[in-house]
Amino acid sequence: MNAQAPKLEDAENDLKQLMADVTRAMEKAQQAVARIASKPAAATTEPEATSR
């Protein structure tokens, strides 16, 4: 079991780093959505692109 301890610690550290990265990305996404939502609506609308 002792041989696995460093591997488990490394995996735990990797997971913590990944979770921190995801949290930062979610915060940035929320800020971007808030900025977009606070802008006044555009006077013209562009038609949605359709695939053919």
N, C-alpha and C. Protein backbone atom coordinates (compact mmCIF):
# COMPACT_ATOMS: atom_id res chain seq x y z
N MET A 1 0.81 -1.20 0.00
CA MET A 1 0.00 0.00 0.00
C MET A 1 0.85 1.26 0.00
N ASN A 2 2.00 1.22 0.65
CA ASN A 2 2.84 2.41 0.74
C ASN A 2 3.36 2.85 -0.61
N ALA A 3 3.54 1.91 -1.52
CA ALA A 3 4.04 2.27 -2.85
C ALA A 3 3.00 3.07 -3.62
N GLN A 4 1.72 2.89 -3.29
CA GLN A 4 0.67 3.60 -3.99
C GLN A 4 0.43 4.99 -3.42
N ALA A 5 0.88 5.26 -2.21
CA ALA A 5 0.62 6.54 -1.56
C ALA A 5 1.10 7.73 -2.38
N PRO A 6 2.34 7.72 -2.89
CA PRO A 6 2.76 8.89 -3.70
C PRO A 6 1.91 9.07 -4.96
N LYS A 7 1.52 7.95 -5.57
CA LYS A 7 0.69 8.05 -6.77
C LYS A 7 -0.67 8.65 -6.42
N LEU A 8 -1.23 8.22 -5.30
CA LEU A 8 -2.52 8.76 -4.88
C LEU A 8 -2.41 10.23 -4.53
N GLU A 9 -1.32 10.61 -3.89
CA GLU A 9 -1.12 12.03 -3.55
C GLU A 9 -0.97 12.86 -4.82
N ASP A 10 -0.23 12.34 -5.79
CA ASP A 10 -0.08 13.05 -7.06
C ASP A 10 -1.42 13.20 -7.77
N ALA A 11 -2.21 12.13 -7.76
CA ALA A 11 -3.51 12.18 -8.41
C ALA A 11 -4.43 13.17 -7.69
N GLU A 12 -4.36 13.20 -6.37
CA GLU A 12 -5.16 14.14 -5.59
C GLU A 12 -4.75 15.57 -5.89
N ASN A 13 -3.46 15.82 -5.98
CA ASN A 13 -2.99 17.16 -6.30
C ASN A 13 -3.41 17.57 -7.71
N ASP A 14 -3.32 16.65 -8.64
CA ASP A 14 -3.77 16.93 -10.01
C ASP A 14 -5.26 17.27 -10.04
N LEU A 15 -6.04 16.50 -9.28
CA LEU A 15 -7.48 16.74 -9.23
C LEU A 15 -7.78 18.10 -8.61
N LYS A 16 -7.08 18.45 -7.54
CA LYS A 16 -7.29 19.76 -6.91
C LYS A 16 -6.96 20.89 -7.88
N GLN A 17 -5.87 20.72 -8.63
CA GLN A 17 -5.48 21.75 -9.60
C GLN A 17 -6.52 21.85 -10.70
N LEU A 18 -7.00 20.71 -11.18
CA LEU A 18 -8.02 20.71 -12.22
C LEU A 18 -9.29 21.39 -11.73
N MET A 19 -9.70 21.09 -10.50
CA MET A 19 -10.91 21.70 -9.94
C MET A 19 -10.73 23.21 -9.80
N ALA A 20 -9.56 23.66 -9.42
CA ALA A 20 -9.29 25.09 -9.31
C ALA A 20 -9.36 25.75 -10.69
N ASP A 21 -8.81 25.08 -11.70
CA ASP A 21 -8.85 25.60 -13.07
C ASP A 21 -10.30 25.69 -13.56
N VAL A 22 -11.09 24.67 -13.28
CA VAL A 22 -12.49 24.67 -13.70
C VAL A 22 -13.25 25.78 -13.00
N THR A 23 -12.98 25.97 -11.73
CA THR A 23 -13.65 27.04 -10.97
C THR A 23 -13.33 28.40 -11.57
N ARG A 24 -12.05 28.62 -11.90
CA ARG A 24 -11.67 29.91 -12.51
C ARG A 24 -12.34 30.08 -13.88
N ALA A 25 -12.41 29.02 -14.64
CA ALA A 25 -13.05 29.10 -15.96
C ALA A 25 -14.54 29.40 -15.82
N MET A 26 -15.18 28.80 -14.84
CA MET A 26 -16.61 29.07 -14.62
C MET A 26 -16.82 30.52 -14.19
N GLU A 27 -15.95 31.03 -13.35
CA GLU A 27 -16.07 32.43 -12.91
C GLU A 27 -15.90 33.38 -14.10
N LYS A 28 -14.93 33.09 -14.95
CA LYS A 28 -14.72 33.93 -16.13
C LYS A 28 -15.92 33.86 -17.06
N ALA A 29 -16.49 32.68 -17.22
CA ALA A 29 -17.67 32.52 -18.08
C ALA A 29 -18.84 33.31 -17.50
N GLN A 30 -19.03 33.26 -16.20
CA GLN A 30 -20.11 34.02 -15.57
C GLN A 30 -19.90 35.52 -15.76
N GLN A 31 -18.66 35.97 -15.65
CA GLN A 31 -18.38 37.39 -15.87
C GLN A 31 -18.66 37.78 -17.31
N ALA A 32 -18.31 36.92 -18.24
CA ALA A 32 -18.56 37.21 -19.65
C ALA A 32 -20.06 37.28 -19.92
N VAL A 33 -20.80 36.36 -19.36
CA VAL A 33 -22.26 36.37 -19.54
C VAL A 33 -22.85 37.64 -18.95
N ALA A 34 -22.36 38.04 -17.79
CA ALA A 34 -22.87 39.26 -17.15
C ALA A 34 -22.56 40.48 -18.01
N ARG A 35 -21.36 40.52 -18.61
CA ARG A 35 -21.02 41.66 -19.49
C ARG A 35 -21.93 41.67 -20.71
N ILE A 36 -22.15 40.52 -21.30
CA ILE A 36 -23.00 40.44 -22.49
C ILE A 36 -24.43 40.83 -22.14
N ALA A 37 -24.92 40.34 -21.01
CA ALA A 37 -26.29 40.61 -20.61
C ALA A 37 -26.50 42.08 -20.28
N SER A 38 -25.45 42.76 -19.83
CA SER A 38 -25.60 44.16 -19.44
C SER A 38 -25.55 45.11 -20.63
N LYS A 39 -25.10 44.61 -21.78
CA LYS A 39 -25.06 45.45 -22.98
C LYS A 39 -26.46 45.62 -23.53
N PRO A 40 -26.76 46.81 -24.08
CA PRO A 40 -28.09 46.97 -24.69
C PRO A 40 -28.21 46.08 -25.92
N ALA A 41 -29.43 45.67 -26.20
CA ALA A 41 -29.67 44.80 -27.34
C ALA A 41 -29.29 45.52 -28.63
N ALA A 42 -28.73 44.81 -29.56
CA ALA A 42 -28.33 45.40 -30.84
C ALA A 42 -29.58 45.78 -31.63
N ALA A 43 -29.48 46.87 -32.38
CA ALA A 43 -30.63 47.35 -33.15
C ALA A 43 -30.94 46.42 -34.30
N THR A 44 -29.90 45.81 -34.85
CA THR A 44 -30.12 44.88 -35.97
C THR A 44 -29.82 43.47 -35.49
N THR A 45 -30.55 42.55 -36.05
CA THR A 45 -30.29 41.15 -35.71
C THR A 45 -29.78 40.45 -36.96
N GLU A 46 -28.86 39.55 -36.75
CA GLU A 46 -28.30 38.80 -37.86
C GLU A 46 -29.04 37.47 -37.95
N PRO A 47 -29.39 37.05 -39.16
CA PRO A 47 -30.06 35.75 -39.27
C PRO A 47 -29.12 34.65 -38.86
N GLU A 48 -29.69 33.59 -38.31
CA GLU A 48 -28.88 32.46 -37.89
C GLU A 48 -28.38 31.72 -39.13
N ALA A 49 -27.17 31.25 -39.04
CA ALA A 49 -26.61 30.47 -40.14
C ALA A 49 -27.26 29.11 -40.17
N THR A 50 -27.56 28.64 -41.35
CA THR A 50 -28.13 27.30 -41.48
C THR A 50 -27.19 26.45 -42.30
N SER A 51 -27.09 25.21 -41.91
CA SER A 51 -26.23 24.31 -42.70
C SER A 51 -27.06 23.71 -43.83
N ARG A 52 -26.40 23.49 -44.93
CA ARG A 52 -27.10 22.93 -46.09
C ARG A 52 -26.50 21.63 -46.49
